[in-house]
mmCIF file of all heavy atoms, coordinates in Angstrom:
data_MODEL
# 
_entry.id   MODEL 
# 
loop_
_atom_site.group_PDB 
_atom_site.id 
_atom_site.type_symbol 
_atom_site.label_atom_id 
_atom_site.label_alt_id 
_atom_site.label_comp_id 
_atom_site.label_asym_id 
_atom_site.label_entity_id 
_atom_site.label_seq_id 
_atom_site.pdbx_PDB_ins_code 
_atom_site.Cartn_x 
_atom_site.Cartn_y 
_atom_site.Cartn_z 
_atom_site.occupancy 
_atom_site.B_iso_or_equiv 
_atom_site.pdbx_formal_charge 
_atom_site.auth_seq_id 
_atom_site.auth_comp_id 
_atom_site.auth_asym_id 
_atom_site.auth_atom_id 
_atom_site.pdbx_PDB_model_num 
ATOM 1   N N   . ALA A 1 1  ? 82.518 50.525 189.288 1.00 0.00 ? 1  ALA A N   1 
ATOM 2   C CA  . ALA A 1 1  ? 81.237 50.871 188.677 1.00 0.00 ? 1  ALA A CA  1 
ATOM 3   C C   . ALA A 1 1  ? 81.437 51.316 187.228 1.00 0.00 ? 1  ALA A C   1 
ATOM 4   O O   . ALA A 1 1  ? 80.640 50.973 186.349 1.00 0.00 ? 1  ALA A O   1 
ATOM 5   C CB  . ALA A 1 1  ? 80.551 51.972 189.495 1.00 0.00 ? 1  ALA A CB  1 
ATOM 6   N N   . GLN A 1 2  ? 82.495 52.058 186.996 1.00 0.00 ? 2  GLN A N   1 
ATOM 7   C CA  . GLN A 1 2  ? 82.812 52.452 185.613 1.00 0.00 ? 2  GLN A CA  1 
ATOM 8   C C   . GLN A 1 2  ? 83.010 51.207 184.745 1.00 0.00 ? 2  GLN A C   1 
ATOM 9   O O   . GLN A 1 2  ? 82.448 51.111 183.648 1.00 0.00 ? 2  GLN A O   1 
ATOM 10  C CB  . GLN A 1 2  ? 84.091 53.292 185.589 1.00 0.00 ? 2  GLN A CB  1 
ATOM 11  C CG  . GLN A 1 2  ? 83.979 54.683 186.160 1.00 0.00 ? 2  GLN A CG  1 
ATOM 12  C CD  . GLN A 1 2  ? 85.347 55.369 186.225 1.00 0.00 ? 2  GLN A CD  1 
ATOM 13  O OE1 . GLN A 1 2  ? 86.365 54.773 185.922 1.00 0.00 ? 2  GLN A OE1 1 
ATOM 14  N NE2 . GLN A 1 2  ? 85.349 56.645 186.601 1.00 0.00 ? 2  GLN A NE2 1 
ATOM 15  N N   . LEU A 1 3  ? 83.821 50.277 185.253 1.00 0.00 ? 3  LEU A N   1 
ATOM 16  C CA  . LEU A 1 3  ? 84.133 49.084 184.493 1.00 0.00 ? 3  LEU A CA  1 
ATOM 17  C C   . LEU A 1 3  ? 82.888 48.271 184.187 1.00 0.00 ? 3  LEU A C   1 
ATOM 18  O O   . LEU A 1 3  ? 82.672 47.830 183.045 1.00 0.00 ? 3  LEU A O   1 
ATOM 19  C CB  . LEU A 1 3  ? 85.141 48.237 185.276 1.00 0.00 ? 3  LEU A CB  1 
ATOM 20  C CG  . LEU A 1 3  ? 85.539 46.892 184.660 1.00 0.00 ? 3  LEU A CG  1 
ATOM 21  C CD1 . LEU A 1 3  ? 86.256 47.094 183.338 1.00 0.00 ? 3  LEU A CD1 1 
ATOM 22  C CD2 . LEU A 1 3  ? 86.425 46.111 185.631 1.00 0.00 ? 3  LEU A CD2 1 
ATOM 23  N N   . ARG A 1 4  ? 82.052 48.076 185.196 1.00 0.00 ? 4  ARG A N   1 
ATOM 24  C CA  . ARG A 1 4  ? 80.846 47.288 184.977 1.00 0.00 ? 4  ARG A CA  1 
ATOM 25  C C   . ARG A 1 4  ? 79.877 47.988 184.036 1.00 0.00 ? 4  ARG A C   1 
ATOM 26  O O   . ARG A 1 4  ? 79.210 47.343 183.218 1.00 0.00 ? 4  ARG A O   1 
ATOM 27  C CB  . ARG A 1 4  ? 80.197 47.005 186.333 1.00 0.00 ? 4  ARG A CB  1 
ATOM 28  C CG  . ARG A 1 4  ? 80.970 45.971 187.143 1.00 0.00 ? 4  ARG A CG  1 
ATOM 29  C CD  . ARG A 1 4  ? 80.417 45.763 188.524 1.00 0.00 ? 4  ARG A CD  1 
ATOM 30  N NE  . ARG A 1 4  ? 81.023 44.577 189.171 1.00 0.00 ? 4  ARG A NE  1 
ATOM 31  C CZ  . ARG A 1 4  ? 81.107 44.413 190.474 1.00 0.00 ? 4  ARG A CZ  1 
ATOM 32  N NH1 . ARG A 1 4  ? 80.640 45.340 191.292 1.00 0.00 ? 4  ARG A NH1 1 
ATOM 33  N NH2 . ARG A 1 4  ? 81.684 43.322 190.965 1.00 0.00 ? 4  ARG A NH2 1 
ATOM 34  N N   . THR A 1 5  ? 79.801 49.298 184.128 1.00 0.00 ? 5  THR A N   1 
ATOM 35  C CA  . THR A 1 5  ? 78.909 50.032 183.219 1.00 0.00 ? 5  THR A CA  1 
ATOM 36  C C   . THR A 1 5  ? 79.423 49.968 181.788 1.00 0.00 ? 5  THR A C   1 
ATOM 37  O O   . THR A 1 5  ? 78.634 49.811 180.832 1.00 0.00 ? 5  THR A O   1 
ATOM 38  C CB  . THR A 1 5  ? 78.796 51.493 183.661 1.00 0.00 ? 5  THR A CB  1 
ATOM 39  O OG1 . THR A 1 5  ? 78.305 51.552 185.010 1.00 0.00 ? 5  THR A OG1 1 
ATOM 40  C CG2 . THR A 1 5  ? 77.834 52.255 182.752 1.00 0.00 ? 5  THR A CG2 1 
ATOM 41  N N   . VAL A 1 6  ? 80.733 50.074 181.600 1.00 0.00 ? 6  VAL A N   1 
ATOM 42  C CA  . VAL A 1 6  ? 81.309 49.923 180.263 1.00 0.00 ? 6  VAL A CA  1 
ATOM 43  C C   . VAL A 1 6  ? 80.952 48.552 179.698 1.00 0.00 ? 6  VAL A C   1 
ATOM 44  O O   . VAL A 1 6  ? 80.513 48.425 178.536 1.00 0.00 ? 6  VAL A O   1 
ATOM 45  C CB  . VAL A 1 6  ? 82.849 50.095 180.296 1.00 0.00 ? 6  VAL A CB  1 
ATOM 46  C CG1 . VAL A 1 6  ? 83.492 49.569 179.014 1.00 0.00 ? 6  VAL A CG1 1 
ATOM 47  C CG2 . VAL A 1 6  ? 83.209 51.553 180.510 1.00 0.00 ? 6  VAL A CG2 1 
ATOM 48  N N   . HIS A 1 7  ? 81.115 47.515 180.509 1.00 0.00 ? 7  HIS A N   1 
ATOM 49  C CA  . HIS A 1 7  ? 80.795 46.158 180.058 1.00 0.00 ? 7  HIS A CA  1 
ATOM 50  C C   . HIS A 1 7  ? 79.317 46.040 179.679 1.00 0.00 ? 7  HIS A C   1 
ATOM 51  O O   . HIS A 1 7  ? 78.974 45.472 178.630 1.00 0.00 ? 7  HIS A O   1 
ATOM 52  C CB  . HIS A 1 7  ? 81.125 45.157 181.181 1.00 0.00 ? 7  HIS A CB  1 
ATOM 53  C CG  . HIS A 1 7  ? 80.731 43.757 180.871 1.00 0.00 ? 7  HIS A CG  1 
ATOM 54  N ND1 . HIS A 1 7  ? 81.418 42.964 179.974 1.00 0.00 ? 7  HIS A ND1 1 
ATOM 55  C CD2 . HIS A 1 7  ? 79.690 42.996 181.332 1.00 0.00 ? 7  HIS A CD2 1 
ATOM 56  C CE1 . HIS A 1 7  ? 80.842 41.776 179.897 1.00 0.00 ? 7  HIS A CE1 1 
ATOM 57  N NE2 . HIS A 1 7  ? 79.801 41.772 180.710 1.00 0.00 ? 7  HIS A NE2 1 
ATOM 58  N N   . GLU A 1 8  ? 78.439 46.593 180.501 1.00 0.00 ? 8  GLU A N   1 
ATOM 59  C CA  . GLU A 1 8  ? 77.007 46.515 180.231 1.00 0.00 ? 8  GLU A CA  1 
ATOM 60  C C   . GLU A 1 8  ? 76.644 47.271 178.961 1.00 0.00 ? 8  GLU A C   1 
ATOM 61  O O   . GLU A 1 8  ? 75.826 46.775 178.146 1.00 0.00 ? 8  GLU A O   1 
ATOM 62  C CB  . GLU A 1 8  ? 76.222 47.073 181.424 1.00 0.00 ? 8  GLU A CB  1 
ATOM 63  C CG  . GLU A 1 8  ? 76.313 46.224 182.674 1.00 0.00 ? 8  GLU A CG  1 
ATOM 64  C CD  . GLU A 1 8  ? 75.799 46.933 183.901 1.00 0.00 ? 8  GLU A CD  1 
ATOM 65  O OE1 . GLU A 1 8  ? 75.341 48.106 183.757 1.00 0.00 ? 8  GLU A OE1 1 
ATOM 66  O OE2 . GLU A 1 8  ? 75.841 46.350 185.000 1.00 0.00 ? 8  GLU A OE2 1 
ATOM 67  N N   . ARG A 1 9  ? 77.232 48.444 178.771 1.00 0.00 ? 9  ARG A N   1 
ATOM 68  C CA  . ARG A 1 9  ? 76.878 49.249 177.600 1.00 0.00 ? 9  ARG A CA  1 
ATOM 69  C C   . ARG A 1 9  ? 77.406 48.627 176.308 1.00 0.00 ? 9  ARG A C   1 
ATOM 70  O O   . ARG A 1 9  ? 76.745 48.676 175.279 1.00 0.00 ? 9  ARG A O   1 
ATOM 71  C CB  . ARG A 1 9  ? 77.389 50.674 177.777 1.00 0.00 ? 9  ARG A CB  1 
ATOM 72  C CG  . ARG A 1 9  ? 76.616 51.422 178.854 1.00 0.00 ? 9  ARG A CG  1 
ATOM 73  C CD  . ARG A 1 9  ? 77.083 52.860 179.038 1.00 0.00 ? 9  ARG A CD  1 
ATOM 74  N NE  . ARG A 1 9  ? 76.325 53.500 180.082 1.00 0.00 ? 9  ARG A NE  1 
ATOM 75  C CZ  . ARG A 1 9  ? 76.518 54.757 180.525 1.00 0.00 ? 9  ARG A CZ  1 
ATOM 76  N NH1 . ARG A 1 9  ? 77.485 55.486 179.976 1.00 0.00 ? 9  ARG A NH1 1 
ATOM 77  N NH2 . ARG A 1 9  ? 75.767 55.232 181.475 1.00 0.00 ? 9  ARG A NH2 1 
ATOM 78  N N   . LEU A 1 10 ? 78.597 48.048 176.362 1.00 0.00 ? 10 LEU A N   1 
ATOM 79  C CA  . LEU A 1 10 ? 79.116 47.381 175.171 1.00 0.00 ? 10 LEU A CA  1 
ATOM 80  C C   . LEU A 1 10 ? 78.301 46.144 174.850 1.00 0.00 ? 10 LEU A C   1 
ATOM 81  O O   . LEU A 1 10 ? 78.020 45.848 173.678 1.00 0.00 ? 10 LEU A O   1 
ATOM 82  C CB  . LEU A 1 10 ? 80.585 47.012 175.372 1.00 0.00 ? 10 LEU A CB  1 
ATOM 83  C CG  . LEU A 1 10 ? 81.591 48.163 175.344 1.00 0.00 ? 10 LEU A CG  1 
ATOM 84  C CD1 . LEU A 1 10 ? 83.002 47.643 175.572 1.00 0.00 ? 10 LEU A CD1 1 
ATOM 85  C CD2 . LEU A 1 10 ? 81.525 48.927 174.029 1.00 0.00 ? 10 LEU A CD2 1 
ATOM 86  N N   . THR A 1 11 ? 77.915 45.399 175.888 1.00 0.00 ? 11 THR A N   1 
ATOM 87  C CA  . THR A 1 11 ? 77.076 44.225 175.681 1.00 0.00 ? 11 THR A CA  1 
ATOM 88  C C   . THR A 1 11 ? 75.736 44.619 175.063 1.00 0.00 ? 11 THR A C   1 
ATOM 89  O O   . THR A 1 11 ? 75.242 43.970 174.128 1.00 0.00 ? 11 THR A O   1 
ATOM 90  C CB  . THR A 1 11 ? 76.844 43.479 177.004 1.00 0.00 ? 11 THR A CB  1 
ATOM 91  O OG1 . THR A 1 11 ? 78.113 43.089 177.554 1.00 0.00 ? 11 THR A OG1 1 
ATOM 92  C CG2 . THR A 1 11 ? 75.987 42.238 176.807 1.00 0.00 ? 11 THR A CG2 1 
ATOM 93  N N   . LYS A 1 12 ? 75.164 45.692 175.563 1.00 0.00 ? 12 LYS A N   1 
ATOM 94  C CA  . LYS A 1 12 ? 73.891 46.169 175.031 1.00 0.00 ? 12 LYS A CA  1 
ATOM 95  C C   . LYS A 1 12 ? 74.043 46.638 173.594 1.00 0.00 ? 12 LYS A C   1 
ATOM 96  O O   . LYS A 1 12 ? 73.188 46.350 172.734 1.00 0.00 ? 12 LYS A O   1 
ATOM 97  C CB  . LYS A 1 12 ? 73.371 47.310 175.915 1.00 0.00 ? 12 LYS A CB  1 
ATOM 98  C CG  . LYS A 1 12 ? 72.034 47.880 175.436 1.00 0.00 ? 12 LYS A CG  1 
ATOM 99  C CD  . LYS A 1 12 ? 71.567 49.007 176.339 1.00 0.00 ? 12 LYS A CD  1 
ATOM 100 C CE  . LYS A 1 12 ? 70.259 49.616 175.833 1.00 0.00 ? 12 LYS A CE  1 
ATOM 101 N NZ  . LYS A 1 12 ? 69.811 50.743 176.691 1.00 0.00 ? 12 LYS A NZ  1 
ATOM 102 N N   . ALA A 1 13 ? 75.132 47.341 173.295 1.00 0.00 ? 13 ALA A N   1 
ATOM 103 C CA  . ALA A 1 13 ? 75.349 47.830 171.932 1.00 0.00 ? 13 ALA A CA  1 
ATOM 104 C C   . ALA A 1 13 ? 75.511 46.666 170.950 1.00 0.00 ? 13 ALA A C   1 
ATOM 105 O O   . ALA A 1 13 ? 75.005 46.719 169.826 1.00 0.00 ? 13 ALA A O   1 
ATOM 106 C CB  . ALA A 1 13 ? 76.586 48.733 171.893 1.00 0.00 ? 13 ALA A CB  1 
ATOM 107 N N   . LYS A 1 14 ? 76.234 45.623 171.403 1.00 0.00 ? 14 LYS A N   1 
ATOM 108 C CA  . LYS A 1 14 ? 76.403 44.452 170.539 1.00 0.00 ? 14 LYS A CA  1 
ATOM 109 C C   . LYS A 1 14 ? 75.064 43.770 170.287 1.00 0.00 ? 14 LYS A C   1 
ATOM 110 O O   . LYS A 1 14 ? 74.784 43.328 169.163 1.00 0.00 ? 14 LYS A O   1 
ATOM 111 C CB  . LYS A 1 14 ? 77.375 43.452 171.194 1.00 0.00 ? 14 LYS A CB  1 
ATOM 112 C CG  . LYS A 1 14 ? 78.803 43.963 171.288 1.00 0.00 ? 14 LYS A CG  1 
ATOM 113 C CD  . LYS A 1 14 ? 79.653 42.999 172.126 1.00 0.00 ? 14 LYS A CD  1 
ATOM 114 C CE  . LYS A 1 14 ? 81.039 43.564 172.359 1.00 0.00 ? 14 LYS A CE  1 
ATOM 115 N NZ  . LYS A 1 14 ? 81.858 42.703 173.254 1.00 0.00 ? 14 LYS A NZ  1 
ATOM 116 N N   . ALA A 1 15 ? 74.225 43.700 171.309 1.00 0.00 ? 15 ALA A N   1 
ATOM 117 C CA  . ALA A 1 15 ? 72.934 43.018 171.179 1.00 0.00 ? 15 ALA A CA  1 
ATOM 118 C C   . ALA A 1 15 ? 71.923 43.853 170.402 1.00 0.00 ? 15 ALA A C   1 
ATOM 119 O O   . ALA A 1 15 ? 70.953 43.321 169.858 1.00 0.00 ? 15 ALA A O   1 
ATOM 120 C CB  . ALA A 1 15 ? 72.376 42.682 172.562 1.00 0.00 ? 15 ALA A CB  1 
ATOM 121 N N   . SER A 1 16 ? 72.123 45.152 170.353 1.00 0.00 ? 16 SER A N   1 
ATOM 122 C CA  . SER A 1 16 ? 71.148 46.040 169.730 1.00 0.00 ? 16 SER A CA  1 
ATOM 123 C C   . SER A 1 16 ? 71.144 46.003 168.218 1.00 0.00 ? 16 SER A C   1 
ATOM 124 O O   . SER A 1 16 ? 70.237 46.502 167.572 1.00 0.00 ? 16 SER A O   1 
ATOM 125 C CB  . SER A 1 16 ? 71.381 47.477 170.189 1.00 0.00 ? 16 SER A CB  1 
ATOM 126 O OG  . SER A 1 16 ? 72.572 47.996 169.571 1.00 0.00 ? 16 SER A OG  1 
ATOM 127 N N   . GLY A 1 17 ? 72.195 45.436 167.620 1.00 0.00 ? 17 GLY A N   1 
ATOM 128 C CA  . GLY A 1 17 ? 72.267 45.389 166.176 1.00 0.00 ? 17 GLY A CA  1 
ATOM 129 C C   . GLY A 1 17 ? 73.113 46.481 165.563 1.00 0.00 ? 17 GLY A C   1 
ATOM 130 O O   . GLY A 1 17 ? 73.137 46.639 164.352 1.00 0.00 ? 17 GLY A O   1 
ATOM 131 N N   . GLN A 1 18 ? 73.838 47.256 166.389 1.00 0.00 ? 18 GLN A N   1 
ATOM 132 C CA  . GLN A 1 18 ? 74.649 48.333 165.835 1.00 0.00 ? 18 GLN A CA  1 
ATOM 133 C C   . GLN A 1 18 ? 75.732 47.795 164.907 1.00 0.00 ? 18 GLN A C   1 
ATOM 134 O O   . GLN A 1 18 ? 75.975 48.339 163.829 1.00 0.00 ? 18 GLN A O   1 
ATOM 135 C CB  . GLN A 1 18 ? 75.282 49.151 166.954 1.00 0.00 ? 18 GLN A CB  1 
ATOM 136 C CG  . GLN A 1 18 ? 74.314 49.998 167.736 1.00 0.00 ? 18 GLN A CG  1 
ATOM 137 C CD  . GLN A 1 18 ? 75.000 50.902 168.744 1.00 0.00 ? 18 GLN A CD  1 
ATOM 138 O OE1 . GLN A 1 18 ? 76.197 51.175 168.646 1.00 0.00 ? 18 GLN A OE1 1 
ATOM 139 N NE2 . GLN A 1 18 ? 74.245 51.382 169.723 1.00 0.00 ? 18 GLN A NE2 1 
ATOM 140 N N   . ARG A 1 19 ? 76.379 46.706 165.304 1.00 0.00 ? 19 ARG A N   1 
ATOM 141 C CA  . ARG A 1 19 ? 77.429 46.134 164.484 1.00 0.00 ? 19 ARG A CA  1 
ATOM 142 C C   . ARG A 1 19 ? 76.869 45.651 163.146 1.00 0.00 ? 19 ARG A C   1 
ATOM 143 O O   . ARG A 1 19 ? 77.426 45.933 162.090 1.00 0.00 ? 19 ARG A O   1 
ATOM 144 C CB  . ARG A 1 19 ? 78.095 44.975 165.221 1.00 0.00 ? 19 ARG A CB  1 
ATOM 145 C CG  . ARG A 1 19 ? 79.041 44.162 164.378 1.00 0.00 ? 19 ARG A CG  1 
ATOM 146 C CD  . ARG A 1 19 ? 79.695 43.060 165.189 1.00 0.00 ? 19 ARG A CD  1 
ATOM 147 N NE  . ARG A 1 19 ? 80.424 42.127 164.331 1.00 0.00 ? 19 ARG A NE  1 
ATOM 148 C CZ  . ARG A 1 19 ? 81.199 41.153 164.761 1.00 0.00 ? 19 ARG A CZ  1 
ATOM 149 N NH1 . ARG A 1 19 ? 81.365 40.984 166.054 1.00 0.00 ? 19 ARG A NH1 1 
ATOM 150 N NH2 . ARG A 1 19 ? 81.802 40.348 163.931 1.00 0.00 ? 19 ARG A NH2 1 
ATOM 151 N N   . GLN A 1 20 ? 75.726 44.930 163.189 1.00 0.00 ? 20 GLN A N   1 
ATOM 152 C CA  . GLN A 1 20 ? 75.130 44.430 161.954 1.00 0.00 ? 20 GLN A CA  1 
ATOM 153 C C   . GLN A 1 20 ? 74.629 45.579 161.093 1.00 0.00 ? 20 GLN A C   1 
ATOM 154 O O   . GLN A 1 20 ? 74.698 45.505 159.859 1.00 0.00 ? 20 GLN A O   1 
ATOM 155 C CB  . GLN A 1 20 ? 73.981 43.481 162.281 1.00 0.00 ? 20 GLN A CB  1 
ATOM 156 C CG  . GLN A 1 20 ? 74.427 42.187 162.980 1.00 0.00 ? 20 GLN A CG  1 
ATOM 157 C CD  . GLN A 1 20 ? 74.443 42.333 164.501 1.00 0.00 ? 20 GLN A CD  1 
ATOM 158 O OE1 . GLN A 1 20 ? 74.559 43.423 165.045 1.00 0.00 ? 20 GLN A OE1 1 
ATOM 159 N NE2 . GLN A 1 20 ? 74.305 41.189 165.184 1.00 0.00 ? 20 GLN A NE2 1 
ATOM 160 N N   . ALA A 1 21 ? 74.116 46.647 161.755 1.00 0.00 ? 21 ALA A N   1 
ATOM 161 C CA  . ALA A 1 21 ? 73.595 47.776 160.986 1.00 0.00 ? 21 ALA A CA  1 
ATOM 162 C C   . ALA A 1 21 ? 74.698 48.476 160.204 1.00 0.00 ? 21 ALA A C   1 
ATOM 163 O O   . ALA A 1 21 ? 74.512 48.864 159.056 1.00 0.00 ? 21 ALA A O   1 
ATOM 164 C CB  . ALA A 1 21 ? 72.921 48.773 161.926 1.00 0.00 ? 21 ALA A CB  1 
ATOM 165 N N   . GLY A 1 22 ? 75.867 48.631 160.837 1.00 0.00 ? 22 GLY A N   1 
ATOM 166 C CA  . GLY A 1 22 ? 76.977 49.258 160.137 1.00 0.00 ? 22 GLY A CA  1 
ATOM 167 C C   . GLY A 1 22 ? 77.369 48.490 158.894 1.00 0.00 ? 22 GLY A C   1 
ATOM 168 O O   . GLY A 1 22 ? 77.582 49.060 157.821 1.00 0.00 ? 22 GLY A O   1 
ATOM 169 N N   . SER A 1 23 ? 77.450 47.152 159.008 1.00 0.00 ? 23 SER A N   1 
ATOM 170 C CA  . SER A 1 23 ? 77.775 46.331 157.861 1.00 0.00 ? 23 SER A CA  1 
ATOM 171 C C   . SER A 1 23 ? 76.700 46.413 156.794 1.00 0.00 ? 23 SER A C   1 
ATOM 172 O O   . SER A 1 23 ? 76.986 46.459 155.591 1.00 0.00 ? 23 SER A O   1 
ATOM 173 C CB  . SER A 1 23 ? 77.960 44.877 158.295 1.00 0.00 ? 23 SER A CB  1 
ATOM 174 O OG  . SER A 1 23 ? 79.059 44.754 159.195 1.00 0.00 ? 23 SER A OG  1 
ATOM 175 N N   . ALA A 1 24 ? 75.437 46.422 157.219 1.00 0.00 ? 24 ALA A N   1 
ATOM 176 C CA  . ALA A 1 24 ? 74.335 46.480 156.263 1.00 0.00 ? 24 ALA A CA  1 
ATOM 177 C C   . ALA A 1 24 ? 74.318 47.795 155.509 1.00 0.00 ? 24 ALA A C   1 
ATOM 178 O O   . ALA A 1 24 ? 74.061 47.830 154.297 1.00 0.00 ? 24 ALA A O   1 
ATOM 179 C CB  . ALA A 1 24 ? 73.012 46.263 156.990 1.00 0.00 ? 24 ALA A CB  1 
# 
């Protein structure tokens, strides 16, 4: 459950625009 939640949260963070926002 930990592993799957980590995967889901990282996927959500990537889709949310956090990576692009940091660069911007």
